[in-house]
Amino acid sequence: MKILLDMNLTPRWVGFLHERGYQAVRWSEVGLASANDLEVLRFAAREGYLLLTHDLDFGDLLAYSREARPSVVILRGVDLRPEASGEHLLRVLATAVEELETGAIVVMDAQRIRVRPLPLG
């Protein structure tokens, strides 16, 4: 699974995910910091990335566009450091792997995960 991290997450996530066998890059490694959310979303879809973010705008963009890709994992109400929430994220990725492969928005919070298949509508 290839994971693209949005700019609002610490670059430490890249190392954390690499150490656990995931291909991960931060948006700043592949795109311009001035890019808007739609550009980031389109890049992730085109290049086959799952998008990891804390920004709810990506879910809204997918809802309006009715696109089936990319899958997005949104971290909500959790400590955004990989040292604190990384193991929880790994469990979420393992639990929702089929949905993420076919297209989904997954919202991860401290108590539960919510999975919405794409396209929304």
Protein backbone atom coordinates (compact mmCIF):
# COMPACT_ATOMS: atom_id res chain seq x y z
CA MET A 1 0.00 0.00 0.00
CA LYS A 2 1.35 3.41 -1.00
CA ILE A 3 0.56 6.22 1.42
CA LEU A 4 0.71 9.95 0.71
CA LEU A 5 0.83 12.17 3.79
CA ASP A 6 -0.82 15.54 3.67
CA MET A 7 1.29 18.52 4.72
CA ASN A 8 -0.61 18.86 7.99
CA LEU A 9 1.02 15.71 9.39
CA THR A 10 4.55 15.49 10.74
CA PRO A 11 7.19 14.03 8.42
CA ARG A 12 7.96 11.49 11.17
CA TRP A 13 5.01 9.47 9.84
CA VAL A 14 7.06 8.64 6.74
CA GLY A 15 9.79 6.92 8.76
CA PHE A 16 7.26 5.21 11.01
CA LEU A 17 5.40 3.75 8.01
CA HIS A 18 8.59 2.81 6.14
CA GLU A 19 9.81 0.86 9.17
CA ARG A 20 6.60 -1.15 9.06
CA GLY A 21 6.78 -1.99 5.37
CA TYR A 22 4.66 0.73 3.83
CA GLN A 23 5.68 2.94 0.94
CA ALA A 24 5.08 6.44 2.25
CA VAL A 25 5.88 9.95 1.08
CA ARG A 26 4.89 13.35 2.28
CA TRP A 27 3.27 15.74 -0.19
CA SER A 28 6.24 18.11 0.09
CA GLU A 29 8.45 15.34 -1.40
CA VAL A 30 6.38 15.02 -4.58
CA GLY A 31 4.47 18.28 -5.01
CA LEU A 32 4.42 21.98 -4.39
CA ALA A 33 3.57 23.25 -0.92
CA SER A 34 1.32 25.82 -2.60
CA ALA A 35 -0.88 23.13 -4.18
CA ASN A 36 -4.52 23.16 -3.22
CA ASP A 37 -6.34 20.17 -1.75
CA LEU A 38 -7.87 19.20 -5.09
CA GLU A 39 -4.41 18.96 -6.69
CA VAL A 40 -3.20 16.74 -3.85
CA LEU A 41 -6.29 14.54 -4.17
CA ARG A 42 -5.93 14.20 -7.94
CA PHE A 43 -2.24 13.32 -7.60
CA ALA A 44 -3.03 10.62 -5.03
CA ALA A 45 -5.71 9.13 -7.29
CA ARG A 46 -3.54 9.23 -10.41
CA GLU A 47 -0.48 7.71 -8.71
CA GLY A 48 -2.36 5.08 -6.68
CA TYR A 49 -1.80 6.50 -3.21
CA LEU A 50 -3.97 6.28 -0.15
CA LEU A 51 -4.10 9.77 1.37
CA LEU A 52 -3.45 10.11 5.11
CA THR A 53 -4.64 13.41 6.53
CA HIS A 54 -6.12 15.32 9.44
CA ASP A 55 -8.03 17.64 7.07
CA LEU A 56 -11.77 17.05 6.61
CA ASP A 57 -11.73 18.95 3.31
CA PHE A 58 -10.54 15.86 1.43
CA GLY A 59 -13.66 13.94 2.43
CA ASP A 60 -15.80 16.86 1.32
CA LEU A 61 -14.02 17.01 -2.04
CA LEU A 62 -14.62 13.31 -2.60
CA ALA A 63 -18.29 13.68 -1.66
CA TYR A 64 -18.80 16.53 -4.15
CA SER A 65 -16.81 14.89 -6.95
CA ARG A 66 -18.34 11.42 -6.49
CA GLU A 67 -14.95 9.94 -7.38
CA ALA A 68 -14.07 6.40 -6.30
CA ARG A 69 -10.40 7.21 -5.71
CA PRO A 70 -8.23 7.87 -3.84
CA SER A 71 -8.99 6.24 -0.54
CA VAL A 72 -8.53 8.65 2.35
CA VAL A 73 -7.81 7.98 6.02
CA ILE A 74 -8.71 10.95 8.21
CA LEU A 75 -7.24 11.15 11.71
CA ARG A 76 -9.72 12.86 14.06
CA GLY A 77 -9.50 13.38 17.79
CA VAL A 78 -6.25 11.45 18.17
CA ASP A 79 -2.74 12.54 19.01
CA LEU A 80 -1.23 13.25 15.57
CA ARG A 81 2.24 11.98 16.45
CA PRO A 82 3.14 8.53 15.10
CA GLU A 83 4.66 7.68 18.48
CA ALA A 84 1.22 8.07 20.04
CA SER A 85 -1.22 6.92 17.34
CA GLY A 86 0.88 4.90 14.92
CA GLU A 87 -0.02 1.45 16.21
CA HIS A 88 -3.70 2.38 16.17
CA LEU A 89 -3.36 3.51 12.54
CA LEU A 90 -1.70 0.20 11.63
CA ARG A 91 -4.64 -1.70 13.12
CA VAL A 92 -7.07 0.50 11.17
CA LEU A 93 -5.19 -0.08 7.91
CA ALA A 94 -5.24 -3.84 8.50
CA THR A 95 -8.92 -3.86 9.45
CA ALA A 96 -10.08 -1.81 6.46
CA VAL A 97 -7.59 -3.08 3.86
CA GLU A 98 -10.24 -4.41 1.45
CA GLU A 99 -12.30 -1.23 1.58
CA LEU A 100 -9.21 0.93 1.14
CA GLU A 101 -8.13 -1.10 -1.89
CA THR A 102 -11.51 -0.63 -3.59
CA GLY A 103 -12.00 3.01 -2.50
CA ALA A 104 -13.16 4.35 0.86
CA ILE A 105 -13.02 7.18 3.32
CA VAL A 106 -11.96 5.92 6.74
CA VAL A 107 -12.26 8.21 9.74
CA MET A 108 -10.12 7.07 12.65
CA ASP A 109 -10.73 8.45 16.10
CA ALA A 110 -9.65 7.25 19.52
CA GLN A 111 -12.67 4.99 20.08
CA ARG A 112 -13.71 3.72 16.65
CA ILE A 113 -13.34 3.80 12.92
CA ARG A 114 -15.97 4.72 10.36
CA VAL A 115 -15.71 3.37 6.84
CA ARG A 116 -17.61 4.88 3.92
CA PRO A 117 -17.22 3.20 0.52
CA LEU A 118 -16.52 5.42 -2.46
CA PRO A 119 -18.03 6.94 -4.44
CA LEU A 120 -20.20 8.77 -1.94
CA GLY A 121 -23.63 9.79 -2.98
